[in-house]
Structures are given as structure tokens and as C-alpha cells.
């Protein structure tokens, strides 16, 4: 097993000859992760345009907060967890509100 120390707020690409649903990864609270030897993690730059700006996030949040389809930070139309959905640029409202 290889051990990696992951940095907070960093992005990683996994390089592996194989990886399927039967493989389980564990990361402890200090950011250490144990991987099989054939898997390697490479730190990469944040994907360009992956996250929206703070202003857009607040705009989306305000729209969702006033929506009757919101229940406990979930969208009852699509089932998404809204705080996560609101920050990703490629996601959109199922009713085209944003």
C-alpha cells in the first residue's frame, strides 16, 4: 500500500491501470489516504471554471431559498444537495431559474 498526504482544497487526478466499484479508499481526518500500489495520485490545478464566483453562488442560493421545492437544503425536483449544486458551474436549476 502506498500512502499519500492530501492537501486541503487541492485537486488530484488518479492514475491507475484499473479502478472499479469494488475498490475502497480510506482517508483519515489528517488527510492521509492509503492506496493500492498500482494507483497513483497526481496533484493538478483547479479545473478552470469548475466553481462559480461568490456572487453567482449567493445569487443561486437566494433563488433556491425562495423556492417552494426546497426542503432541508435538498431540491425535491432533482434530489440534489443544494449547497453543493449551487457552487458548480456546470449544474443548473431543473426549473431553469438559474
PDB file of N, CA and C in Angstrom:
ATOM      1  N   UNK A   1       0.838  -1.186   0.000  1.00  0.00           N
ATOM      2  CA  UNK A   1       0.000   0.000   0.000  1.00  0.00           C
ATOM      3  C   UNK A   1       0.880   1.245   0.000  1.00  0.00           C
ATOM      4  N   UNK A   2       0.501   2.186  -0.853  1.00  0.00           N
ATOM      5  CA  UNK A   2       1.174   3.481  -0.889  1.00  0.00           C
ATOM      6  C   UNK A   2       0.357   4.464  -0.065  1.00  0.00           C
ATOM      7  N   UNK A   3       1.036   5.370   0.631  1.00  0.00           N
ATOM      8  CA  UNK A   3       0.329   6.355   1.430  1.00  0.00           C
ATOM      9  C   UNK A   3       0.586   7.739   0.862  1.00  0.00           C
ATOM     10  N   UNK A   4      -0.482   8.524   0.715  1.00  0.00           N
ATOM     11  CA  UNK A   4      -0.394   9.892   0.228  1.00  0.00           C
ATOM     12  C   UNK A   4      -0.955  10.813   1.285  1.00  0.00           C
ATOM     13  N   UNK A   5      -0.406  12.020   1.376  1.00  0.00           N
ATOM     14  CA  UNK A   5      -0.952  13.059   2.235  1.00  0.00           C
ATOM     15  C   UNK A   5      -1.608  14.072   1.318  1.00  0.00           C
ATOM     16  N   UNK A   6      -2.933  14.175   1.396  1.00  0.00           N
ATOM     17  CA  UNK A   6      -3.674  15.087   0.539  1.00  0.00           C
ATOM     18  C   UNK A   6      -3.744  16.455   1.185  1.00  0.00           C
ATOM     19  N   UNK A   7      -3.600  17.491   0.368  1.00  0.00           N
ATOM     20  CA  UNK A   7      -3.689  18.859   0.861  1.00  0.00           C
ATOM     21  C   UNK A   7      -5.124  19.345   0.754  1.00  0.00           C
ATOM     22  N   UNK A   8      -5.569  20.091   1.757  1.00  0.00           N
ATOM     23  CA  UNK A   8      -6.915  20.634   1.756  1.00  0.00           C
ATOM     24  C   UNK A   8      -7.089  21.576   0.567  1.00  0.00           C
ATOM     25  N   UNK A   9      -8.269  21.561  -0.027  1.00  0.00           N
ATOM     26  CA  UNK A   9      -8.622  22.425  -1.156  1.00  0.00           C
ATOM     27  C   UNK A   9      -7.734  22.203  -2.365  1.00  0.00           C
ATOM     28  N   UNK A  10      -7.238  20.994  -2.545  1.00  0.00           N
ATOM     29  CA  UNK A  10      -6.425  20.648  -3.708  1.00  0.00           C
ATOM     30  C   UNK A  10      -7.186  19.653  -4.571  1.00  0.00           C
ATOM     31  N   UNK A  11      -6.797  19.574  -5.817  1.00  0.00           N
ATOM     32  CA  UNK A  11      -7.420  18.661  -6.765  1.00  0.00           C
ATOM     33  C   UNK A  11      -6.405  17.605  -7.169  1.00  0.00           C
ATOM     34  N   UNK A  12      -6.876  16.362  -7.325  1.00  0.00           N
ATOM     35  CA  UNK A  12      -5.997  15.255  -7.668  1.00  0.00           C
ATOM     36  C   UNK A  12      -6.593  14.453  -8.812  1.00  0.00           C
ATOM     37  N   UNK A  13      -5.722  13.949  -9.647  1.00  0.00           N
ATOM     38  CA  UNK A  13      -6.119  13.040 -10.711  1.00  0.00           C
ATOM     39  C   UNK A  13      -5.565  11.675 -10.352  1.00  0.00           C
ATOM     40  N   UNK A  14      -6.390  10.653 -10.527  1.00  0.00           N
ATOM     41  CA  UNK A  14      -5.949   9.304 -10.208  1.00  0.00           C
ATOM     42  C   UNK A  14      -5.419   8.649 -11.469  1.00  0.00           C
ATOM     43  N   UNK A  15      -4.225   8.107 -11.378  1.00  0.00           N
ATOM     44  CA  UNK A  15      -3.633   7.354 -12.469  1.00  0.00           C
ATOM     45  C   UNK A  15      -3.603   5.901 -12.042  1.00  0.00           C
ATOM     46  N   UNK A  16      -4.309   5.056 -12.783  1.00  0.00           N
ATOM     47  CA  UNK A  16      -4.436   3.662 -12.389  1.00  0.00           C
ATOM     48  C   UNK A  16      -4.702   2.797 -13.606  1.00  0.00           C
ATOM     49  N   UNK A  17      -4.109   1.614 -13.640  1.00  0.00           N
ATOM     50  CA  UNK A  17      -4.436   0.689 -14.717  1.00  0.00           C
ATOM     51  C   UNK A  17      -5.850   0.133 -14.567  1.00  0.00           C
ATOM     52  N   UNK A  18      -6.348   0.134 -13.347  1.00  0.00           N
ATOM     53  CA  UNK A  18      -7.709  -0.343 -13.106  1.00  0.00           C
ATOM     54  C   UNK A  18      -8.246   0.280 -11.822  1.00  0.00           C
ATOM     55  N   UNK A  19      -9.503   0.543 -11.829  1.00  0.00           N
ATOM     56  CA  UNK A  19     -10.172   1.026 -10.624  1.00  0.00           C
ATOM     57  C   UNK A  19     -11.652   0.790 -10.836  1.00  0.00           C
ATOM     58  N   UNK A  20     -12.281   0.013  -9.969  1.00  0.00           N
ATOM     59  CA  UNK A  20     -13.704  -0.253 -10.137  1.00  0.00           C
ATOM     60  C   UNK A  20     -14.426  -0.081  -8.801  1.00  0.00           C
ATOM     61  N   UNK A  21     -15.721  -0.318  -8.821  1.00  0.00           N
ATOM     62  CA  UNK A  21     -16.547  -0.098  -7.638  1.00  0.00           C
ATOM     63  C   UNK A  21     -16.185  -0.987  -6.457  1.00  0.00           C
ATOM     64  N   UNK A  22     -15.457  -2.072  -6.708  1.00  0.00           N
ATOM     65  CA  UNK A  22     -15.100  -2.952  -5.598  1.00  0.00           C
ATOM     66  C   UNK A  22     -13.900  -2.422  -4.814  1.00  0.00           C
ATOM     67  N   UNK A  23     -13.179  -1.443  -5.368  1.00  0.00           N
ATOM     68  CA  UNK A  23     -12.049  -0.845  -4.664  1.00  0.00           C
ATOM     69  C   UNK A  23     -12.560   0.205  -3.680  1.00  0.00           C
ATOM     70  N   UNK A  24     -12.031   0.187  -2.470  1.00  0.00           N
ATOM     71  CA  UNK A  24     -12.443   1.127  -1.439  1.00  0.00           C
ATOM     72  C   UNK A  24     -11.225   1.918  -1.002  1.00  0.00           C
ATOM     73  N   UNK A  25     -11.375   3.240  -0.928  1.00  0.00           N
ATOM     74  CA  UNK A  25     -10.295   4.113  -0.478  1.00  0.00           C
ATOM     75  C   UNK A  25     -10.684   4.682   0.879  1.00  0.00           C
ATOM     76  N   UNK A  26      -9.693   4.898   1.739  1.00  0.00           N
ATOM     77  CA  UNK A  26      -9.948   5.454   3.059  1.00  0.00           C
ATOM     78  C   UNK A  26      -9.024   6.636   3.284  1.00  0.00           C
ATOM     79  N   UNK A  27      -9.609   7.782   3.697  1.00  0.00           N
ATOM     80  CA  UNK A  27      -8.802   8.947   4.046  1.00  0.00           C
ATOM     81  C   UNK A  27      -9.085   9.285   5.507  1.00  0.00           C
ATOM     82  N   UNK A  28      -8.026   9.393   6.305  1.00  0.00           N
ATOM     83  CA  UNK A  28      -8.228   9.721   7.711  1.00  0.00           C
ATOM     84  C   UNK A  28      -8.423  11.226   7.875  1.00  0.00           C
ATOM     85  N   UNK A  29      -8.701  11.652   9.098  1.00  0.00           N
ATOM     86  CA  UNK A  29      -9.002  13.057   9.353  1.00  0.00           C
ATOM     87  C   UNK A  29      -7.810  13.980   9.120  1.00  0.00           C
ATOM     88  N   UNK A  30      -6.613  13.447   9.051  1.00  0.00           N
ATOM     89  CA  UNK A  30      -5.426  14.261   8.801  1.00  0.00           C
ATOM     90  C   UNK A  30      -5.091  14.366   7.324  1.00  0.00           C
ATOM     91  N   UNK A  31      -5.905  13.771   6.457  1.00  0.00           N
ATOM     92  CA  UNK A  31      -5.686  13.863   5.023  1.00  0.00           C
ATOM     93  C   UNK A  31      -4.821  12.767   4.442  1.00  0.00           C
ATOM     94  N   UNK A  32      -4.499  11.741   5.215  1.00  0.00           N
ATOM     95  CA  UNK A  32      -3.728  10.611   4.704  1.00  0.00           C
ATOM     96  C   UNK A  32      -4.664   9.628   4.020  1.00  0.00           C
ATOM     97  N   UNK A  33      -4.247   9.113   2.894  1.00  0.00           N
ATOM     98  CA  UNK A  33      -5.054   8.130   2.182  1.00  0.00           C
ATOM     99  C   UNK A  33      -4.171   6.953   1.800  1.00  0.00           C
ATOM    100  N   UNK A  34      -4.680   5.755   1.991  1.00  0.00           N
ATOM    101  CA  UNK A  34      -3.955   4.543   1.618  1.00  0.00           C
ATOM    102  C   UNK A  34      -4.501   4.033   0.294  1.00  0.00           C
ATOM    103  N   UNK A  35      -3.615   3.811  -0.646  1.00  0.00           N
ATOM    104  CA  UNK A  35      -3.989   3.339  -1.973  1.00  0.00           C
ATOM    105  C   UNK A  35      -3.204   2.086  -2.317  1.00  0.00           C
ATOM    106  N   UNK A  36      -3.817   1.197  -3.100  1.00  0.00           N
ATOM    107  CA  UNK A  36      -3.036   0.067  -3.604  1.00  0.00           C
ATOM    108  C   UNK A  36      -1.840   0.588  -4.398  1.00  0.00           C
ATOM    109  N   UNK A  37      -0.755  -0.184  -4.438  1.00  0.00           N
ATOM    110  CA  UNK A  37       0.477   0.269  -5.075  1.00  0.00           C
ATOM    111  C   UNK A  37       0.320   0.632  -6.555  1.00  0.00           C
ATOM    112  N   UNK A  38      -0.642   0.001  -7.257  1.00  0.00           N
ATOM    113  CA  UNK A  38      -0.779   0.280  -8.677  1.00  0.00           C
ATOM    114  C   UNK A  38      -1.537   1.580  -8.965  1.00  0.00           C
ATOM    115  N   UNK A  39      -2.014   2.246  -7.919  1.00  0.00           N
ATOM    116  CA  UNK A  39      -2.739   3.508  -8.089  1.00  0.00           C
ATOM    117  C   UNK A  39      -1.850   4.651  -7.623  1.00  0.00           C
ATOM    118  N   UNK A  40      -1.829   5.710  -8.407  1.00  0.00           N
ATOM    119  CA  UNK A  40      -1.025   6.876  -8.094  1.00  0.00           C
ATOM    120  C   UNK A  40      -1.902   8.114  -8.174  1.00  0.00           C
ATOM    121  N   UNK A  41      -1.719   9.052  -7.249  1.00  0.00           N
ATOM    122  CA  UNK A  41      -2.427  10.324  -7.293  1.00  0.00           C
ATOM    123  C   UNK A  41      -1.459  11.419  -7.702  1.00  0.00           C
ATOM    124  N   UNK A  42      -1.918  12.279  -8.605  1.00  0.00           N
ATOM    125  CA  UNK A  42      -1.110  13.395  -9.065  1.00  0.00           C
ATOM    126  C   UNK A  42      -1.896  14.667  -8.798  1.00  0.00           C
ATOM    127  N   UNK A  43      -1.285  15.617  -8.085  1.00  0.00           N
ATOM    128  CA  UNK A  43      -1.959  16.884  -7.826  1.00  0.00           C
ATOM    129  C   UNK A  43      -2.044  17.681  -9.118  1.00  0.00           C
ATOM    130  N   UNK A  44      -3.201  18.249  -9.379  1.00  0.00           N
ATOM    131  CA  UNK A  44      -3.414  19.027 -10.596  1.00  0.00           C
ATOM    132  C   UNK A  44      -3.985  20.391 -10.225  1.00  0.00           C
ATOM    133  N   UNK A  45      -3.979  21.302 -11.192  1.00  0.00           N
ATOM    134  CA  UNK A  45      -4.554  22.629 -10.993  1.00  0.00           C
ATOM    135  C   UNK A  45      -6.074  22.518 -10.894  1.00  0.00           C
ATOM    136  N   UNK A  46      -6.686  23.474 -10.238  1.00  0.00           N
ATOM    137  CA  UNK A  46      -8.148  23.510 -10.174  1.00  0.00           C
ATOM    138  C   UNK A  46      -8.695  23.615 -11.587  1.00  0.00           C
ATOM    139  N   UNK A  47      -9.679  22.786 -11.911  1.00  0.00           N
ATOM    140  CA  UNK A  47     -10.250  22.873 -13.256  1.00  0.00           C
ATOM    141  C   UNK A  47     -10.796  24.268 -13.516  1.00  0.00           C
ATOM    142  N   UNK A  48     -10.447  24.846 -14.650  1.00  0.00           N
ATOM    143  CA  UNK A  48     -10.869  26.199 -14.974  1.00  0.00           C
ATOM    144  C   UNK A  48     -12.383  26.252 -15.102  1.00  0.00           C
ATOM    145  N   UNK A  49     -12.969  27.160 -14.394  1.00  0.00           N
ATOM    146  CA  UNK A  49     -14.398  27.335 -14.485  1.00  0.00           C
ATOM    147  C   UNK A  49     -15.217  26.274 -13.782  1.00  0.00           C
ATOM    148  N   UNK A  50     -14.605  25.482 -12.947  1.00  0.00           N
ATOM    149  CA  UNK A  50     -15.340  24.425 -12.249  1.00  0.00           C
ATOM    150  C   UNK A  50     -16.312  25.007 -11.231  1.00  0.00           C
ATOM    151  N   UNK A  51     -15.842  25.973 -10.448  1.00  0.00           N
ATOM    152  CA  UNK A  51     -16.678  26.606  -9.436  1.00  0.00           C
ATOM    153  C   UNK A  51     -17.132  27.982  -9.908  1.00  0.00           C
ATOM    154  N   UNK A  52     -18.311  28.387  -9.453  1.00  0.00           N
ATOM    155  CA  UNK A  52     -18.814  29.720  -9.774  1.00  0.00           C
ATOM    156  C   UNK A  52     -18.220  30.732  -8.797  1.00  0.00           C
ATOM    157  N   UNK A  53     -18.357  32.007  -9.128  1.00  0.00           N
ATOM    158  CA  UNK A  53     -17.875  33.067  -8.235  1.00  0.00           C
ATOM    159  C   UNK A  53     -18.778  33.149  -7.001  1.00  0.00           C
ATOM    160  N   UNK A  54     -18.302  33.848  -5.992  1.00  0.00           N
ATOM    161  CA  UNK A  54     -19.070  34.023  -4.759  1.00  0.00           C
ATOM    162  C   UNK A  54     -20.392  34.732  -5.055  1.00  0.00           C
ATOM    163  N   UNK A  55     -20.381  35.694  -5.959  1.00  0.00           N
ATOM    164  CA  UNK A  55     -21.594  36.431  -6.301  1.00  0.00           C
ATOM    165  C   UNK A  55     -22.642  35.524  -6.945  1.00  0.00           C
ATOM    166  N   UNK A  56     -22.208  34.663  -7.859  1.00  0.00           N
ATOM    167  CA  UNK A  56     -23.139  33.743  -8.516  1.00  0.00           C
ATOM    168  C   UNK A  56     -23.677  32.724  -7.514  1.00  0.00           C
ATOM    169  N   UNK A  57     -22.799  32.256  -6.636  1.00  0.00           N
ATOM    170  CA  UNK A  57     -23.251  31.322  -5.596  1.00  0.00           C
ATOM    171  C   UNK A  57     -24.342  31.950  -4.745  1.00  0.00           C
ATOM    172  N   UNK A  58     -24.142  33.184  -4.319  1.00  0.00           N
ATOM    173  CA  UNK A  58     -25.133  33.875  -3.490  1.00  0.00           C
ATOM    174  C   UNK A  58     -26.429  34.111  -4.266  1.00  0.00           C
ATOM    175  N   UNK A  59     -26.320  34.416  -5.564  1.00  0.00           N
ATOM    176  CA  UNK A  59     -27.493  34.592  -6.421  1.00  0.00           C
ATOM    177  C   UNK A  59     -28.297  33.295  -6.492  1.00  0.00           C
ATOM    178  N   UNK A  60     -27.618  32.183  -6.756  1.00  0.00           N
ATOM    179  CA  UNK A  60     -28.288  30.885  -6.830  1.00  0.00           C
ATOM    180  C   UNK A  60     -28.916  30.519  -5.491  1.00  0.00           C
ATOM    181  N   UNK A  61     -28.199  30.761  -4.409  1.00  0.00           N
ATOM    182  CA  UNK A  61     -28.705  30.447  -3.068  1.00  0.00           C
ATOM    183  C   UNK A  61     -29.975  31.231  -2.787  1.00  0.00           C
ATOM    184  N   UNK A  62     -30.002  32.525  -3.131  1.00  0.00           N
ATOM    185  CA  UNK A  62     -31.182  33.355  -2.884  1.00  0.00           C
ATOM    186  C   UNK A  62     -32.388  32.821  -3.655  1.00  0.00           C
ATOM    187  N   UNK A  63     -32.173  32.393  -4.884  1.00  0.00           N
ATOM    188  CA  UNK A  63     -33.271  31.838  -5.678  1.00  0.00           C
ATOM    189  C   UNK A  63     -33.775  30.545  -5.037  1.00  0.00           C
ATOM    190  N   UNK A  64     -32.868  29.666  -4.659  1.00  0.00           N
ATOM    191  CA  UNK A  64     -33.264  28.401  -4.037  1.00  0.00           C
ATOM    192  C   UNK A  64     -33.954  28.622  -2.699  1.00  0.00           C
ATOM    193  N   UNK A  65     -33.467  29.592  -1.919  1.00  0.00           N
ATOM    194  CA  UNK A  65     -34.067  29.852  -0.607  1.00  0.00           C
ATOM    195  C   UNK A  65     -35.525  30.285  -0.726  1.00  0.00           C
ATOM    196  N   UNK A  66     -35.887  30.930  -1.844  1.00  0.00           N
ATOM    197  CA  UNK A  66     -37.268  31.360  -2.045  1.00  0.00           C
ATOM    198  C   UNK A  66     -38.119  30.363  -2.813  1.00  0.00           C
ATOM    199  N   UNK A  67     -37.567  29.221  -3.141  1.00  0.00           N
ATOM    200  CA  UNK A  67     -38.272  28.235  -3.957  1.00  0.00           C
ATOM    201  C   UNK A  67     -39.090  27.279  -3.073  1.00  0.00           C
ATOM    202  N   UNK A  68     -40.352  27.048  -3.422  1.00  0.00           N
ATOM    203  CA  UNK A  68     -41.159  26.113  -2.631  1.00  0.00           C
ATOM    204  C   UNK A  68     -40.733  24.650  -2.788  1.00  0.00           C
ATOM    205  N   UNK A  69     -39.876  24.364  -3.766  1.00  0.00           N
ATOM    206  CA  UNK A  69     -39.414  22.984  -3.984  1.00  0.00           C
ATOM    207  C   UNK A  69     -38.223  22.621  -3.094  1.00  0.00           C
ATOM    208  N   UNK A  70     -37.692  23.605  -2.344  1.00  0.00           N
ATOM    209  CA  UNK A  70     -36.553  23.360  -1.452  1.00  0.00           C
ATOM    210  C   UNK A  70     -37.049  22.812  -0.124  1.00  0.00           C
ATOM    211  N   UNK A  71     -36.475  21.702   0.305  1.00  0.00           N
ATOM    212  CA  UNK A  71     -36.775  21.105   1.608  1.00  0.00           C
ATOM    213  C   UNK A  71     -35.466  20.663   2.255  1.00  0.00           C
ATOM    214  N   UNK A  72     -35.141  21.273   3.413  1.00  0.00           N
ATOM    215  CA  UNK A  72     -33.940  20.889   4.171  1.00  0.00           C
ATOM    216  C   UNK A  72     -32.675  20.850   3.317  1.00  0.00           C
ATOM    217  N   UNK A  73     -32.413  21.893   2.560  1.00  0.00           N
ATOM    218  CA  UNK A  73     -31.233  22.009   1.688  1.00  0.00           C
ATOM    219  C   UNK A  73     -31.211  20.994   0.553  1.00  0.00           C
ATOM    220  N   UNK A  74     -32.359  20.412   0.235  1.00  0.00           N
ATOM    221  CA  UNK A  74     -32.475  19.498  -0.898  1.00  0.00           C
ATOM    222  C   UNK A  74     -33.479  20.052  -1.896  1.00  0.00           C
ATOM    223  N   UNK A  75     -33.225  19.826  -3.165  1.00  0.00           N
ATOM    224  CA  UNK A  75     -34.186  20.152  -4.218  1.00  0.00           C
ATOM    225  C   UNK A  75     -35.085  18.930  -4.377  1.00  0.00           C
ATOM    226  N   UNK A  76     -36.390  19.110  -4.196  1.00  0.00           N
ATOM    227  CA  UNK A  76     -37.298  17.976  -4.298  1.00  0.00           C
ATOM    228  C   UNK A  76     -37.547  17.570  -5.755  1.00  0.00           C
ATOM    229  N   UNK A  77     -37.133  18.394  -6.707  1.00  0.00           N
ATOM    230  CA  UNK A  77     -37.281  18.029  -8.118  1.00  0.00           C
ATOM    231  C   UNK A  77     -36.185  17.078  -8.581  1.00  0.00           C
ATOM    232  N   UNK A  78     -34.933  17.410  -8.254  1.00  0.00           N
ATOM    233  CA  UNK A  78     -33.818  16.589  -8.739  1.00  0.00           C
ATOM    234  C   UNK A  78     -33.148  15.777  -7.633  1.00  0.00           C
ATOM    235  N   UNK A  79     -33.404  16.124  -6.366  1.00  0.00           N
ATOM    236  CA  UNK A  79     -32.819  15.388  -5.254  1.00  0.00           C
ATOM    237  C   UNK A  79     -31.423  15.846  -4.865  1.00  0.00           C
ATOM    238  N   UNK A  80     -30.927  16.903  -5.494  1.00  0.00           N
ATOM    239  CA  UNK A  80     -29.559  17.372  -5.220  1.00  0.00           C
ATOM    240  C   UNK A  80     -29.461  18.099  -3.885  1.00  0.00           C
ATOM    241  N   UNK A  81     -28.273  17.999  -3.273  1.00  0.00           N
ATOM    242  CA  UNK A  81     -27.930  18.759  -2.073  1.00  0.00           C
ATOM    243  C   UNK A  81     -27.550  20.156  -2.549  1.00  0.00           C
ATOM    244  N   UNK A  82     -28.377  21.150  -2.238  1.00  0.00           N
ATOM    245  CA  UNK A  82     -28.253  22.477  -2.835  1.00  0.00           C
ATOM    246  C   UNK A  82     -26.939  23.201  -2.557  1.00  0.00           C
ATOM    247  N   UNK A  83     -26.388  23.184  -1.333  1.00  0.00           N
ATOM    248  CA  UNK A  83     -25.120  23.886  -1.134  1.00  0.00           C
ATOM    249  C   UNK A  83     -24.005  23.398  -2.067  1.00  0.00           C
ATOM    250  N   UNK A  84     -24.011  22.132  -2.419  1.00  0.00           N
ATOM    251  CA  UNK A  84     -23.004  21.611  -3.353  1.00  0.00           C
ATOM    252  C   UNK A  84     -23.365  21.965  -4.789  1.00  0.00           C
ATOM    253  N   UNK A  85     -24.626  21.847  -5.137  1.00  0.00           N
ATOM    254  CA  UNK A  85     -25.061  22.110  -6.509  1.00  0.00           C
ATOM    255  C   UNK A  85     -24.873  23.576  -6.890  1.00  0.00           C
ATOM    256  N   UNK A  86     -25.080  24.471  -5.956  1.00  0.00           N
ATOM    257  CA  UNK A  86     -25.032  25.900  -6.243  1.00  0.00           C
ATOM    258  C   UNK A  86     -23.635  26.416  -6.578  1.00  0.00           C
ATOM    259  N   UNK A  87     -22.587  25.680  -6.247  1.00  0.00           N
ATOM    260  CA  UNK A  87     -21.230  26.185  -6.471  1.00  0.00           C
ATOM    261  C   UNK A  87     -20.562  25.627  -7.732  1.00  0.00           C
ATOM    262  N   UNK A  88     -21.175  24.648  -8.386  1.00  0.00           N
ATOM    263  CA  UNK A  88     -20.553  24.027  -9.560  1.00  0.00           C
ATOM    264  C   UNK A  88     -21.121  24.668 -10.824  1.00  0.00           C
ATOM    265  N   UNK A  89     -20.243  25.184 -11.670  1.00  0.00           N
ATOM    266  CA  UNK A  89     -20.674  25.965 -12.828  1.00  0.00           C
ATOM    267  C   UNK A  89     -21.499  25.178 -13.835  1.00  0.00           C
ATOM    268  N   UNK A  90     -21.273  23.889 -13.959  1.00  0.00           N
ATOM    269  CA  UNK A  90     -21.990  23.111 -14.969  1.00  0.00           C
ATOM    270  C   UNK A  90     -23.375  22.652 -14.508  1.00  0.00           C
ATOM    271  N   UNK A  91     -23.715  22.873 -13.236  1.00  0.00           N
ATOM    272  CA  UNK A  91     -25.026  22.476 -12.727  1.00  0.00           C
ATOM    273  C   UNK A  91     -26.033  23.591 -12.955  1.00  0.00           C
ATOM    274  N   UNK A  92     -27.302  23.224 -13.063  1.00  0.00           N
ATOM    275  CA  UNK A  92     -28.351  24.218 -13.265  1.00  0.00           C
ATOM    276  C   UNK A  92     -29.615  23.803 -12.525  1.00  0.00           C
ATOM    277  N   UNK A  93     -30.519  24.742 -12.379  1.00  0.00           N
ATOM    278  CA  UNK A  93     -31.802  24.502 -11.727  1.00  0.00           C
ATOM    279  C   UNK A  93     -32.682  23.697 -12.686  1.00  0.00           C
ATOM    280  N   UNK A  94     -33.377  22.674 -12.181  1.00  0.00           N
ATOM    281  CA  UNK A  94     -34.244  21.884 -13.053  1.00  0.00           C
ATOM    282  C   UNK A  94     -35.442  22.675 -13.587  1.00  0.00           C
ATOM    283  N   UNK A  95     -35.747  23.811 -12.979  1.00  0.00           N
ATOM    284  CA  UNK A  95     -36.819  24.672 -13.475  1.00  0.00           C
ATOM    285  C   UNK A  95     -36.267  25.885 -14.216  1.00  0.00           C
ATOM    286  N   UNK A  96     -34.985  25.861 -14.570  1.00  0.00           N
ATOM    287  CA  UNK A  96     -34.304  26.951 -15.294  1.00  0.00           C
ATOM    288  C   UNK A  96     -34.405  28.315 -14.605  1.00  0.00           C
ATOM    289  N   UNK A  97     -34.389  28.297 -13.284  1.00  0.00           N
ATOM    290  CA  UNK A  97     -34.388  29.564 -12.543  1.00  0.00           C
ATOM    291  C   UNK A  97     -32.989  30.176 -12.494  1.00  0.00           C
ATOM    292  N   UNK A  98     -31.967  29.321 -12.601  1.00  0.00           N
ATOM    293  CA  UNK A  98     -30.575  29.778 -12.711  1.00  0.00           C
ATOM    294  C   UNK A  98     -29.783  28.788 -13.511  1.00  0.00           C
TER     295      UNK A  98
END
